[in-house]
Protein backbone atom coordinates (compact mmCIF):
# COMPACT_ATOMS: atom_id res chain seq x y z
CA MET A 1 -6.76 17.10 -28.70
CA SER A 2 -8.48 15.58 -25.70
CA PRO A 3 -11.85 13.83 -26.02
CA LEU A 4 -13.47 16.52 -23.88
CA GLU A 5 -12.17 19.27 -26.15
CA ALA A 6 -13.42 17.42 -29.24
CA ALA A 7 -16.86 16.98 -27.65
CA GLY A 8 -16.99 20.69 -26.80
CA LYS A 9 -16.18 21.65 -30.38
CA MET A 10 -18.83 19.26 -31.70
CA ILE A 11 -21.47 20.73 -29.39
CA LEU A 12 -20.55 24.26 -30.51
CA LEU A 13 -20.79 23.21 -34.15
CA LEU A 14 -24.20 21.58 -33.63
CA GLY A 15 -25.39 24.69 -31.78
CA GLY A 16 -24.31 26.87 -34.69
CA VAL A 17 -26.14 24.63 -37.13
CA LEU A 18 -29.30 24.82 -35.01
CA VAL A 19 -29.09 28.62 -34.86
CA ALA A 20 -28.66 28.79 -38.64
CA LEU A 21 -31.61 26.42 -39.14
CA GLY A 22 -33.74 28.54 -36.82
CA LEU A 23 -32.90 31.68 -38.79
CA VAL A 24 -33.78 29.96 -42.06
CA LEU A 25 -37.13 28.84 -40.65
CA LEU A 26 -37.88 32.36 -39.42
CA LEU A 27 -37.10 33.75 -42.86
CA LEU A 28 -39.20 31.08 -44.57
CA SER A 29 -42.19 31.93 -42.40
CA ARG A 30 -42.18 35.42 -43.93
CA VAL A 31 -42.12 34.15 -47.52
CA ALA A 32 -45.66 33.98 -48.89
CA VAL A 33 -44.98 30.90 -51.04
CA ALA A 34 -43.55 28.67 -48.30
CA GLY A 35 -46.15 26.11 -47.25
CA ARG A 36 -48.52 26.93 -50.11
CA LEU A 37 -46.98 25.03 -53.00
CA PRO A 38 -49.13 22.92 -55.34
CA ALA A 39 -48.43 19.55 -53.66
CA ASP A 40 -48.97 20.81 -50.09
CA PHE A 41 -52.13 19.12 -48.86
CA HIS A 42 -54.51 20.44 -46.21
CA PHE A 43 -57.47 18.35 -45.08
CA GLN A 44 -60.25 19.28 -42.66
CA TRP A 45 -62.79 16.89 -41.13
CA GLY A 46 -65.06 18.62 -38.68
CA GLY A 47 -62.80 19.80 -35.86
CA LEU A 48 -59.73 17.91 -37.14
CA SER A 49 -57.23 19.56 -39.46
CA CYS A 50 -54.26 17.78 -41.09
CA TYR A 51 -51.54 19.48 -43.10
CA PHE A 52 -49.01 17.59 -45.28
CA PRO A 53 -46.38 19.96 -46.75
CA LEU A 54 -45.13 17.44 -49.32
CA MET A 55 -43.74 19.81 -51.97
CA THR A 56 -42.33 22.24 -49.40
CA GLY A 57 -40.40 19.34 -47.85
CA VAL A 58 -39.03 18.28 -51.24
CA VAL A 59 -37.92 21.84 -52.07
CA LEU A 60 -36.27 22.28 -48.65
CA SER A 61 -34.54 18.92 -49.03
CA ILE A 62 -33.10 19.90 -52.42
CA ILE A 63 -31.91 23.26 -51.08
CA ALA A 64 -30.34 21.62 -48.00
CA THR A 65 -28.57 19.04 -50.18
CA LEU A 66 -27.12 21.74 -52.42
CA VAL A 67 -25.96 23.86 -49.47
CA LEU A 68 -24.40 20.92 -47.63
CA ASN A 69 -22.63 19.72 -50.78
CA LEU A 70 -21.25 23.23 -51.26
CA VAL A 71 -20.02 23.33 -47.65
CA VAL A 72 -18.35 19.91 -47.98
CA TRP A 73 -16.77 20.95 -51.27
CA LEU A 74 -15.42 24.16 -49.73
CA LEU A 75 -14.04 22.33 -46.67
CA ARG A 76 -12.14 19.83 -48.84
CA LYS A 77 -10.16 22.60 -50.59
């Protein structure tokens, strides 16, 4: 396989991952719980608003780790 062919396959793979991530984010935006978990902080000072989705980030990280471990496990078989 030539280096150009390998680069093309890598770009296609990364594009597919980005499309899948976009679909997941679209689906999460419709879930009422996403972004409103107990450790998600929202502060307002006058006209300034800061949002820190701490628990949502932790939950998404755990889910991503499980999914990626499953994919790696399936690819090794």
